[in-house]
C-alpha atoms as a PDB file:
ATOM      1  CA  MET A   1     -18.750  17.035  -1.507  1.00  0.00           C
ATOM      2  CA  GLN A   2     -15.407  15.766  -0.449  1.00  0.00           C
ATOM      3  CA  ARG A   3     -12.516  15.829  -3.052  1.00  0.00           C
ATOM      4  CA  GLN A   4     -10.870  12.461  -4.196  1.00  0.00           C
ATOM      5  CA  ILE A   5      -8.379  10.784  -2.162  1.00  0.00           C
ATOM      6  CA  GLU A   6      -4.973  10.540  -3.649  1.00  0.00           C
ATOM      7  CA  LEU A   7      -4.103   6.916  -3.088  1.00  0.00           C
ATOM      8  CA  ALA A   8      -0.720   5.281  -3.733  1.00  0.00           C
ATOM      9  CA  LEU A   9      -0.932   1.529  -4.493  1.00  0.00           C
ATOM     10  CA  ILE A  10       2.395   0.155  -3.407  1.00  0.00           C
ATOM     11  CA  TYR A  11       3.680  -3.060  -4.839  1.00  0.00           C
ATOM     12  CA  GLY A  12       5.766  -5.108  -2.171  1.00  0.00           C
ATOM     13  CA  SER A  13       7.684  -7.378  -4.396  1.00  0.00           C
ATOM     14  CA  ALA A  14      10.334  -6.594  -7.061  1.00  0.00           C
ATOM     15  CA  ARG A  15      10.964 -10.373  -8.006  1.00  0.00           C
ATOM     16  CA  THR A  16      10.963 -11.484 -11.501  1.00  0.00           C
ATOM     17  CA  GLY A  17       7.871 -13.562 -12.310  1.00  0.00           C
ATOM     18  CA  ARG A  18       6.244 -12.294  -9.079  1.00  0.00           C
ATOM     19  CA  PHE A  19       2.642 -12.892  -8.325  1.00  0.00           C
ATOM     20  CA  CYS A  20       2.368  -9.399  -6.968  1.00  0.00           C
ATOM     21  CA  ASP A  21       1.210  -8.154 -10.314  1.00  0.00           C
ATOM     22  CA  THR A  22      -1.957 -10.427 -10.234  1.00  0.00           C
ATOM     23  CA  VAL A  23      -2.887  -9.432  -6.643  1.00  0.00           C
ATOM     24  CA  ALA A  24      -2.064  -5.574  -7.281  1.00  0.00           C
ATOM     25  CA  GLY A  25      -4.131  -5.654 -10.465  1.00  0.00           C
ATOM     26  CA  TRP A  26      -7.033  -7.188  -8.604  1.00  0.00           C
ATOM     27  CA  ALA A  27      -6.406  -4.500  -5.829  1.00  0.00           C
ATOM     28  CA  ALA A  28      -6.442  -1.697  -8.414  1.00  0.00           C
ATOM     29  CA  SER A  29      -9.648  -2.956  -9.910  1.00  0.00           C
ATOM     30  CA  GLU A  30     -11.542  -3.054  -6.714  1.00  0.00           C
ATOM     31  CA  ILE A  31     -10.202   0.453  -5.804  1.00  0.00           C
ATOM     32  CA  GLY A  32     -11.565   1.751  -9.074  1.00  0.00           C
ATOM     33  CA  ARG A  33     -14.887  -0.079  -8.485  1.00  0.00           C
ATOM     34  CA  HIS A  34     -15.051   1.355  -4.941  1.00  0.00           C
ATOM     35  CA  GLY A  35     -14.838   4.905  -6.356  1.00  0.00           C
ATOM     36  CA  GLY A  36     -13.505   8.171  -4.628  1.00  0.00           C
ATOM     37  CA  PHE A  37      -9.806   7.454  -5.175  1.00  0.00           C
ATOM     38  CA  ALA A  38      -7.290   8.715  -7.720  1.00  0.00           C
ATOM     39  CA  LEU A  39      -4.832   5.922  -8.069  1.00  0.00           C
ATOM     40  CA  ASP A  40      -0.948   6.066  -8.325  1.00  0.00           C
ATOM     41  CA  ARG A  41       0.847   2.729  -8.561  1.00  0.00           C
ATOM     42  CA  ILE A  42       4.299   2.670  -7.021  1.00  0.00           C
ATOM     43  CA  ASP A  43       6.263  -0.309  -8.119  1.00  0.00           C
ATOM     44  CA  PRO A  44       9.860  -1.146  -6.774  1.00  0.00           C
ATOM     45  CA  ALA A  45      10.529  -3.102  -9.823  1.00  0.00           C
ATOM     46  CA  SER A  46      10.180  -0.042 -11.950  1.00  0.00           C
ATOM     47  CA  PRO A  47      13.616   1.362 -12.807  1.00  0.00           C
ATOM     48  CA  ASP A  48      12.607   4.896 -11.835  1.00  0.00           C
ATOM     49  CA  ILE A  49      11.455   3.837  -8.424  1.00  0.00           C
ATOM     50  CA  ALA A  50      14.270   1.482  -7.753  1.00  0.00           C
ATOM     51  CA  ASN A  51      16.759   4.244  -8.562  1.00  0.00           C
ATOM     52  CA  GLY A  52      14.941   6.603  -6.343  1.00  0.00           C
ATOM     53  CA  VAL A  53      14.791   4.251  -3.431  1.00  0.00           C
ATOM     54  CA  ALA A  54      18.495   3.298  -3.791  1.00  0.00           C
ATOM     55  CA  GLY A  55      19.414   6.954  -3.890  1.00  0.00           C
ATOM     56  CA  HIS A  56      21.536   6.545  -6.951  1.00  0.00           C
ATOM     57  CA  ASP A  57      19.424   9.274  -8.712  1.00  0.00           C
ATOM     58  CA  THR A  58      18.544  12.367  -6.879  1.00  0.00           C
ATOM     59  CA  ILE A  59      16.004  13.281  -9.376  1.00  0.00           C
ATOM     60  CA  ALA A  60      14.254   9.895  -9.121  1.00  0.00           C
ATOM     61  CA  SER A  61      14.493  10.052  -5.326  1.00  0.00           C
ATOM     62  CA  ALA A  62      12.927  13.528  -5.129  1.00  0.00           C
ATOM     63  CA  ALA A  63      10.167  12.394  -7.694  1.00  0.00           C
ATOM     64  CA  LEU A  64       9.418   9.378  -5.568  1.00  0.00           C
ATOM     65  CA  LYS A  65       9.198  11.561  -2.306  1.00  0.00           C
ATOM     66  CA  ARG A  66       6.954  13.907  -4.160  1.00  0.00           C
ATOM     67  CA  ARG A  67       4.605  10.988  -5.045  1.00  0.00           C
ATOM     68  CA  LEU A  68       4.448   9.723  -1.518  1.00  0.00           C
ATOM     69  CA  ASP A  69       3.984  13.155  -0.168  1.00  0.00           C
ATOM     70  CA  GLY A  70       1.156  13.789  -2.510  1.00  0.00           C
ATOM     71  CA  ALA A  71      -0.691  10.725  -1.407  1.00  0.00           C
ATOM     72  CA  ASP A  72      -3.419  11.024   1.118  1.00  0.00           C
ATOM     73  CA  ALA A  73      -3.508   7.305   1.865  1.00  0.00           C
ATOM     74  CA  PHE A  74      -1.515   4.088   0.845  1.00  0.00           C
ATOM     75  CA  VAL A  75      -2.604   0.489   0.009  1.00  0.00           C
ATOM     76  CA  VAL A  76       0.416  -1.864   0.203  1.00  0.00           C
ATOM     77  CA  VAL A  77       0.131  -5.157  -1.548  1.00  0.00           C
ATOM     78  CA  THR A  78       2.681  -7.657  -0.013  1.00  0.00           C
ATOM     79  CA  PRO A  79       3.663 -11.067  -0.152  1.00  0.00           C
ATOM     80  CA  GLU A  80       5.108 -13.002   2.793  1.00  0.00           C
ATOM     81  CA  TYR A  81       8.720 -14.325   2.215  1.00  0.00           C
ATOM     82  CA  ASN A  82      10.130 -16.275   5.112  1.00  0.00           C
ATOM     83  CA  HIS A  83       7.672 -14.981   7.634  1.00  0.00           C
ATOM     84  CA  SER A  84       8.287 -11.382   6.681  1.00  0.00           C
ATOM     85  CA  PHE A  85       7.851  -8.885   3.926  1.00  0.00           C
ATOM     86  CA  PRO A  86      10.267  -8.270   1.026  1.00  0.00           C
ATOM     87  CA  ALA A  87      13.450  -6.205   1.356  1.00  0.00           C
ATOM     88  CA  PRO A  88      12.533  -3.835  -1.720  1.00  0.00           C
ATOM     89  CA  LEU A  89       9.354  -2.791   0.236  1.00  0.00           C
ATOM     90  CA  LYS A  90      11.370  -2.083   3.397  1.00  0.00           C
ATOM     91  CA  ALA A  91      13.961  -0.068   1.343  1.00  0.00           C
ATOM     92  CA  LEU A  92      10.981   1.876  -0.301  1.00  0.00           C
ATOM     93  CA  ILE A  93       9.509   2.761   3.115  1.00  0.00           C
ATOM     94  CA  ASP A  94      12.921   3.689   4.578  1.00  0.00           C
ATOM     95  CA  SER A  95      13.620   5.982   1.484  1.00  0.00           C
ATOM     96  CA  ALA A  96      11.149   8.437   2.900  1.00  0.00           C
ATOM     97  CA  GLY A  97      10.284   9.910   6.272  1.00  0.00           C
ATOM     98  CA  ARG A  98       7.793  12.645   6.915  1.00  0.00           C
ATOM     99  CA  GLU A  99       6.024  11.813   3.651  1.00  0.00           C
ATOM    100  CA  TRP A 100       4.266   8.972   5.516  1.00  0.00           C
ATOM    101  CA  ARG A 101       3.297  11.032   8.410  1.00  0.00           C
ATOM    102  CA  ALA A 102      -0.372  11.148   9.606  1.00  0.00           C
ATOM    103  CA  LYS A 103      -1.703   9.110   6.714  1.00  0.00           C
ATOM    104  CA  PRO A 104      -3.582   5.710   6.637  1.00  0.00           C
ATOM    105  CA  VAL A 105      -2.019   2.683   5.363  1.00  0.00           C
ATOM    106  CA  GLY A 106      -4.252  -0.339   4.188  1.00  0.00           C
ATOM    107  CA  PHE A 107      -2.931  -3.878   3.388  1.00  0.00           C
ATOM    108  CA  VAL A 108      -3.550  -6.499   0.799  1.00  0.00           C
ATOM    109  CA  SER A 109      -1.449  -9.645   1.572  1.00  0.00           C
ATOM    110  CA  TYR A 110      -0.790 -12.966  -0.018  1.00  0.00           C
ATOM    111  CA  GLY A 111       1.317 -15.979   0.745  1.00  0.00           C
ATOM    112  CA  GLY A 112       1.130 -19.740   1.797  1.00  0.00           C
ATOM    113  CA  VAL A 113      -0.823 -20.831   4.764  1.00  0.00           C
ATOM    114  CA  SER A 114      -0.827 -17.586   6.643  1.00  0.00           C
ATOM    115  CA  GLY A 115      -1.926 -15.511   3.501  1.00  0.00           C
ATOM    116  CA  GLY A 116       0.797 -12.972   4.286  1.00  0.00           C
ATOM    117  CA  LEU A 117      -0.563 -11.790   7.655  1.00  0.00           C
ATOM    118  CA  ARG A 118       2.795 -12.246   9.325  1.00  0.00           C
ATOM    119  CA  ALA A 119       4.116  -9.761   6.915  1.00  0.00           C
ATOM    120  CA  VAL A 120       1.363  -7.427   7.481  1.00  0.00           C
ATOM    121  CA  GLU A 121       1.740  -7.552  11.283  1.00  0.00           C
ATOM    122  CA  GLN A 122       5.466  -6.550  10.947  1.00  0.00           C
ATOM    123  CA  LEU A 123       4.441  -3.858   8.382  1.00  0.00           C
ATOM    124  CA  ARG A 124       2.105  -2.288  10.983  1.00  0.00           C
ATOM    125  CA  LEU A 125       5.071  -1.846  13.370  1.00  0.00           C
ATOM    126  CA  VAL A 126       7.299  -0.407  10.664  1.00  0.00           C
ATOM    127  CA  PHE A 127       4.728   2.182   9.513  1.00  0.00           C
ATOM    128  CA  ALA A 128       3.949   3.171  12.966  1.00  0.00           C
ATOM    129  CA  GLU A 129       7.476   4.633  13.411  1.00  0.00           C
ATOM    130  CA  PRO A 130       6.909   7.316  10.787  1.00  0.00           C
ATOM    131  CA  HIS A 131       3.656   8.173  12.349  1.00  0.00           C
ATOM    132  CA  ALA A 132       1.436   6.319   9.747  1.00  0.00           C
ATOM    133  CA  VAL A 133      -1.856   4.963  10.775  1.00  0.00           C
ATOM    134  CA  GLY A 134      -2.488   1.225   9.912  1.00  0.00           C
ATOM    135  CA  ILE A 135      -6.009   0.234   9.078  1.00  0.00           C
ATOM    136  CA  ARG A 136      -7.137  -2.666  11.214  1.00  0.00           C
ATOM    137  CA  ASP A 137      -9.071  -4.551   8.442  1.00  0.00           C
ATOM    138  CA  CYS A 138      -7.034  -6.046   5.507  1.00  0.00           C
ATOM    139  CA  VAL A 139      -7.426  -8.519   2.687  1.00  0.00           C
ATOM    140  CA  SER A 140      -5.496 -11.697   2.829  1.00  0.00           C
ATOM    141  CA  PHE A 141      -5.098 -14.519   0.289  1.00  0.00           C
ATOM    142  CA  ALA A 142      -3.720 -17.759   1.687  1.00  0.00           C
ATOM    143  CA  GLY A 143      -2.411 -19.912  -1.106  1.00  0.00           C
ATOM    144  CA  ALA A 144      -2.961 -17.082  -3.606  1.00  0.00           C
ATOM    145  CA  PRO A 145      -2.229 -18.728  -6.907  1.00  0.00           C
ATOM    146  CA  ASN A 146      -5.151 -21.113  -6.193  1.00  0.00           C
ATOM    147  CA  HIS A 147      -7.647 -18.378  -5.951  1.00  0.00           C
ATOM    148  CA  PHE A 148      -6.853 -16.507  -9.166  1.00  0.00           C
ATOM    149  CA  ASP A 149      -7.196 -17.712 -12.720  1.00  0.00           C
ATOM    150  CA  ASP A 150      -4.889 -16.952 -15.685  1.00  0.00           C
ATOM    151  CA  ASN A 151      -6.647 -13.726 -16.257  1.00  0.00           C
ATOM    152  CA  GLY A 152      -6.364 -12.508 -12.703  1.00  0.00           C
ATOM    153  CA  GLU A 153      -9.883 -13.025 -11.718  1.00  0.00           C
ATOM    154  CA  LEU A 154     -10.889 -14.617  -8.508  1.00  0.00           C
ATOM    155  CA  ALA A 155     -12.794 -17.904  -8.669  1.00  0.00           C
ATOM    156  CA  ASP A 156     -14.823 -16.968  -5.686  1.00  0.00           C
ATOM    157  CA  PRO A 157     -14.674 -13.214  -5.587  1.00  0.00           C
ATOM    158  CA  GLU A 158     -17.331 -12.440  -2.916  1.00  0.00           C
ATOM    159  CA  PRO A 159     -15.265 -12.888   0.254  1.00  0.00           C
ATOM    160  CA  ALA A 160     -12.333 -10.827  -1.021  1.00  0.00           C
ATOM    161  CA  THR A 161     -14.444  -8.148  -2.495  1.00  0.00           C
ATOM    162  CA  ARG A 162     -16.475  -7.598   0.640  1.00  0.00           C
ATOM    163  CA  ALA A 163     -13.153  -7.494   2.697  1.00  0.00           C
ATOM    164  CA  MET A 164     -11.727  -4.951   0.332  1.00  0.00           C
ATOM    165  CA  ALA A 165     -14.824  -2.863   0.455  1.00  0.00           C
ATOM    166  CA  THR A 166     -14.594  -2.748   4.231  1.00  0.00           C
ATOM    167  CA  MET A 167     -10.892  -1.815   4.152  1.00  0.00           C
ATOM    168  CA  LEU A 168     -11.320   0.781   1.539  1.00  0.00           C
ATOM    169  CA  SER A 169     -14.233   2.364   3.479  1.00  0.00           C
ATOM    170  CA  HIS A 170     -12.240   2.650   6.648  1.00  0.00           C
ATOM    171  CA  LEU A 171      -9.217   3.957   4.655  1.00  0.00           C
ATOM    172  CA  ALA A 172     -11.406   6.579   3.036  1.00  0.00           C
ATOM    173  CA  TRP A 173     -12.671   7.800   6.435  1.00  0.00           C
ATOM    174  CA  TRP A 174      -9.151   8.059   7.916  1.00  0.00           C
ATOM    175  CA  ALA A 175      -7.795   9.470   4.616  1.00  0.00           C
ATOM    176  CA  HIS A 176     -10.530  12.325   4.697  1.00  0.00           C
ATOM    177  CA  ALA A 177     -10.131  12.810   8.523  1.00  0.00           C
ATOM    178  CA  LEU A 178      -6.277  12.904   8.570  1.00  0.00           C
ATOM    179  CA  ARG A 179      -6.044  15.201   5.412  1.00  0.00           C
ATOM    180  CA  GLN A 180      -8.405  17.779   7.103  1.00  0.00           C
ATOM    181  CA  ALA A 181      -6.284  17.518  10.280  1.00  0.00           C
ATOM    182  CA  ARG A 182      -2.951  18.103   8.350  1.00  0.00           C
ATOM    183  CA  GLU A 183      -4.573  21.064   6.392  1.00  0.00           C
ATOM    184  CA  GLN A 184      -5.546  22.625   9.706  1.00  0.00           C
ATOM    185  CA  SER A 185      -2.160  21.948  11.553  1.00  0.00           C
ATOM    186  CA  ALA A 186       1.019  20.751  10.293  1.00  0.00           C
ATOM    187  CA  TYR A 187       1.749  17.244  11.728  1.00  0.00           C
ATOM    188  CA  GLY A 188       5.368  17.819  11.537  1.00  0.00           C
ATOM    189  CA  GLU A 189       5.488  20.001  14.597  1.00  0.00           C
ATOM    190  CA  ALA A 190       3.556  17.329  16.610  1.00  0.00           C
ATOM    191  CA  ALA A 191       5.785  14.616  15.416  1.00  0.00           C
ATOM    192  CA  GLU A 192       9.172  16.292  16.323  1.00  0.00           C
END
């Protein structure tokens, strides 16, 4: 039996009144329903994470890097702002380096007409640089506030639930395969 995947769910927005809480809450629920994952939520709006990202607090920075390093995989929940992803997410990604290496990244996006897909396409390029592996399948919500009720439930959950299950199945396969590969041979030597 394979051990659980340590999965970091990364919030992409730090804005006050953000819709990210609703989408990330749904994603966390779907991750729990899927099973096989131990979930760690990493939120750039949290003071500890924000201080770690900014580098103002060396203890917080080290703690954030330990959490990212301990993850076998990542799911990034991102909005699309002005055809891109938010600055706090970029700062979080840039605050670490080797912690991303040889680990899969899945995406849940939301936004206007594009559903955040333009942000995801840019994030794929960003995550490729530190040698992370982007999962092809993702979940996207165009006009997201129109899909969720006041309790964070989807009016029509089937399409998104099906897309999330596909993405998580692929993420799990890559997480197991890459964890085994990292345990057999340190990736850092190949990446240098």
